[in-house]
Amino acid sequence: GDADANGDGKISGEEAKTEMAAGGAMKMKAGEWETKITFNSIDAKGLPAGAKDQMMAAMGKGVTVKSCLTQEQVDKPGADFFGSPEGSNCEFQQLDRSGNNMKVEMTCKPNGATVLASKMNGTFSETSYSMTMEQKVSGTPMGDMTMKGKIDGKRLGDCPA
């Protein structure tokens, strides 16, 4: 359901944590996880064509990260799961879960001028997830940029000792 528990039109960090902690069909299994982030489109009017091509070549290959998800993180997930760690100045506009589907819309202001607006939509299970993503970045020296891509995660097994 909708994470805006008090109906004020905003999703606070506490409301996001409460919604994520509800678990349900999306409760992920503790262990070692591999996450791959790939971008299939970059629109950056302020970048020269060569620089845009280089960015697309690098980001199109994707970035793969392995991490260990502890039982505590599974039992009490926070908003940081979506890249909103404490102190990152992020606000959720949408955090809706239904069954194993999730829609997330959030805006982060990591410093004075830069604004990152992200929209994610996908499915979760206890051993995998897949989300499409659109991220708009504004307030950078290179101008505004829109990137579209995908985030795929899968459980590899138990965490290494």
Protein backbone atom coordinates (compact mmCIF):
# COMPACT_ATOMS: atom_id res chain seq x y z
CA GLY A 1 0.00 0.00 0.00
CA ASP A 2 0.83 3.67 0.08
CA ALA A 3 3.51 4.55 2.65
CA ASP A 4 1.96 7.98 3.38
CA ALA A 5 0.40 6.75 6.63
CA ASN A 6 -0.69 10.16 7.93
CA GLY A 7 -2.07 11.35 4.57
CA ASP A 8 -0.14 14.63 4.47
CA GLY A 9 1.06 14.06 0.90
CA LYS A 10 4.68 13.50 1.97
CA ILE A 11 6.49 10.30 2.93
CA SER A 12 8.82 10.88 5.83
CA GLY A 13 11.87 8.78 6.55
CA GLU A 14 9.97 7.12 9.41
CA GLU A 15 7.01 6.30 7.14
CA ALA A 16 9.42 4.81 4.57
CA LYS A 17 11.09 2.66 7.25
CA THR A 18 7.69 1.47 8.51
CA GLU A 19 6.58 0.56 4.98
CA MET A 20 9.81 -1.31 4.20
CA ALA A 21 9.73 -3.16 7.53
CA ALA A 22 6.29 -4.58 6.70
CA GLY A 23 8.11 -7.27 4.66
CA GLY A 24 5.40 -9.47 3.17
CA ALA A 25 6.05 -10.92 -0.28
CA MET A 26 9.12 -8.70 -0.60
CA LYS A 27 10.94 -9.92 2.48
CA MET A 28 14.37 -10.70 1.11
CA LYS A 29 16.51 -13.56 2.36
CA ALA A 30 19.66 -12.74 4.33
CA GLY A 31 22.92 -13.63 2.62
CA GLU A 32 25.31 -12.47 -0.09
CA TRP A 33 23.60 -10.47 -2.83
CA GLU A 34 24.84 -9.33 -6.23
CA THR A 35 23.36 -6.17 -7.69
CA LYS A 36 23.90 -5.06 -11.29
CA ILE A 37 23.03 -1.54 -12.43
CA THR A 38 22.96 -0.83 -16.17
CA PHE A 39 21.90 2.25 -18.11
CA ASN A 40 20.44 2.01 -21.61
CA SER A 41 19.88 5.71 -22.23
CA ILE A 42 21.61 8.95 -21.26
CA ASP A 43 20.29 12.35 -22.32
CA ALA A 44 22.70 15.14 -21.41
CA LYS A 45 22.42 18.23 -23.58
CA GLY A 46 25.41 19.91 -21.93
CA LEU A 47 27.83 17.11 -22.78
CA PRO A 48 29.82 16.99 -26.01
CA ALA A 49 28.91 14.00 -28.21
CA GLY A 50 32.23 12.24 -27.54
CA ALA A 51 31.86 12.52 -23.77
CA LYS A 52 28.26 11.28 -23.93
CA ASP A 53 29.37 8.30 -26.03
CA GLN A 54 32.13 7.48 -23.51
CA MET A 55 29.66 7.68 -20.61
CA MET A 56 27.18 5.45 -22.42
CA ALA A 57 29.87 2.88 -23.26
CA ALA A 58 30.98 2.73 -19.62
CA MET A 59 27.54 2.80 -18.03
CA GLY A 60 25.97 0.49 -20.61
CA LYS A 61 28.28 -2.32 -19.47
CA GLY A 62 26.88 -1.93 -15.99
CA VAL A 63 28.28 -1.92 -12.51
CA THR A 64 28.07 -5.05 -10.38
CA VAL A 65 28.31 -4.87 -6.60
CA LYS A 66 28.25 -7.66 -4.03
CA SER A 67 27.04 -7.07 -0.50
CA CYS A 68 26.03 -9.02 2.57
CA LEU A 69 22.44 -8.55 3.73
CA THR A 70 22.24 -9.35 7.43
CA GLN A 71 19.21 -10.83 9.19
CA GLU A 72 18.79 -7.51 11.05
CA GLN A 73 18.62 -5.63 7.73
CA VAL A 74 16.04 -8.14 6.46
CA ASP A 75 13.95 -7.79 9.63
CA LYS A 76 14.15 -3.98 9.79
CA PRO A 77 14.99 -2.59 6.33
CA GLY A 78 15.28 1.15 6.05
CA ALA A 79 14.98 3.74 3.31
CA ASP A 80 18.72 3.31 2.67
CA PHE A 81 17.84 0.24 0.57
CA PHE A 82 16.94 2.68 -2.23
CA GLY A 83 20.05 4.83 -1.88
CA SER A 84 18.71 7.14 0.80
CA PRO A 85 21.16 6.76 3.69
CA GLU A 86 20.74 8.87 6.80
CA GLY A 87 21.84 12.44 6.13
CA SER A 88 21.56 12.23 2.33
CA ASN A 89 18.72 14.78 2.32
CA CYS A 90 16.24 12.57 0.43
CA GLU A 91 12.47 12.71 0.38
CA PHE A 92 10.08 10.09 -0.95
CA GLN A 93 7.21 11.27 -3.11
CA GLN A 94 5.97 7.70 -3.58
CA LEU A 95 6.70 4.34 -1.94
CA ASP A 96 3.94 1.93 -2.87
CA ARG A 97 4.04 -1.83 -2.45
CA SER A 98 1.44 -4.32 -3.59
CA GLY A 99 2.14 -8.05 -3.53
CA ASN A 100 5.67 -8.36 -4.93
CA ASN A 101 5.49 -5.09 -6.91
CA MET A 102 6.98 -1.80 -5.81
CA LYS A 103 7.00 1.78 -7.11
CA VAL A 104 9.41 4.30 -5.65
CA GLU A 105 9.78 8.00 -6.41
CA MET A 106 12.32 10.03 -4.45
CA THR A 107 14.25 13.29 -4.64
CA CYS A 108 17.69 13.77 -3.08
CA LYS A 109 19.61 17.01 -2.58
CA PRO A 110 23.12 15.86 -1.62
CA ASN A 111 24.55 19.37 -1.78
CA GLY A 112 23.31 22.91 -2.35
CA ALA A 113 22.61 22.89 -6.09
CA THR A 114 22.46 19.26 -7.22
CA VAL A 115 19.05 17.53 -7.28
CA LEU A 116 18.62 13.82 -8.08
CA ALA A 117 15.06 12.74 -8.88
CA SER A 118 14.62 8.97 -9.17
CA LYS A 119 11.70 6.79 -10.23
CA MET A 120 11.90 3.01 -9.84
CA ASN A 121 9.36 0.32 -10.62
CA GLY A 122 9.77 -3.44 -10.33
CA THR A 123 9.25 -6.78 -8.66
CA PHE A 124 10.81 -8.46 -5.62
CA SER A 125 11.09 -11.97 -4.24
CA GLU A 126 13.10 -13.37 -1.36
CA THR A 127 16.00 -14.27 -3.69
CA SER A 128 15.87 -11.72 -6.53
CA TYR A 129 14.57 -8.35 -7.67
CA SER A 130 14.38 -6.37 -10.90
CA MET A 131 13.53 -2.69 -11.26
CA THR A 132 13.48 -0.20 -14.10
CA MET A 133 14.90 3.18 -13.16
CA GLU A 134 14.83 6.74 -14.44
CA GLN A 135 17.08 9.30 -12.82
CA LYS A 136 17.08 13.02 -13.54
CA VAL A 137 20.05 15.02 -12.31
CA SER A 138 19.94 18.82 -12.29
CA GLY A 139 22.13 21.58 -10.94
CA THR A 140 25.47 20.16 -12.09
CA PRO A 141 28.18 22.09 -13.96
CA MET A 142 27.42 19.89 -17.02
CA GLY A 143 23.74 20.85 -16.98
CA ASP A 144 20.74 18.58 -16.61
CA MET A 145 20.96 14.88 -17.39
CA THR A 146 18.40 12.05 -17.61
CA MET A 147 19.50 8.43 -17.37
CA LYS A 148 17.33 5.33 -17.79
CA GLY A 149 18.31 1.82 -16.86
CA LYS A 150 17.73 -1.27 -14.83
CA ILE A 151 18.70 -2.67 -11.44
CA ASP A 152 18.82 -6.46 -11.04
CA GLY A 153 19.67 -8.24 -7.82
CA LYS A 154 20.04 -11.88 -6.93
CA ARG A 155 20.97 -13.83 -3.83
CA LEU A 156 24.19 -15.80 -4.32
CA GLY A 157 24.13 -17.79 -1.09
CA ASP A 158 25.31 -17.36 2.47
CA CYS A 159 27.64 -14.49 3.31
CA PRO A 160 31.36 -15.35 3.17
CA ALA A 161 32.87 -16.08 6.58
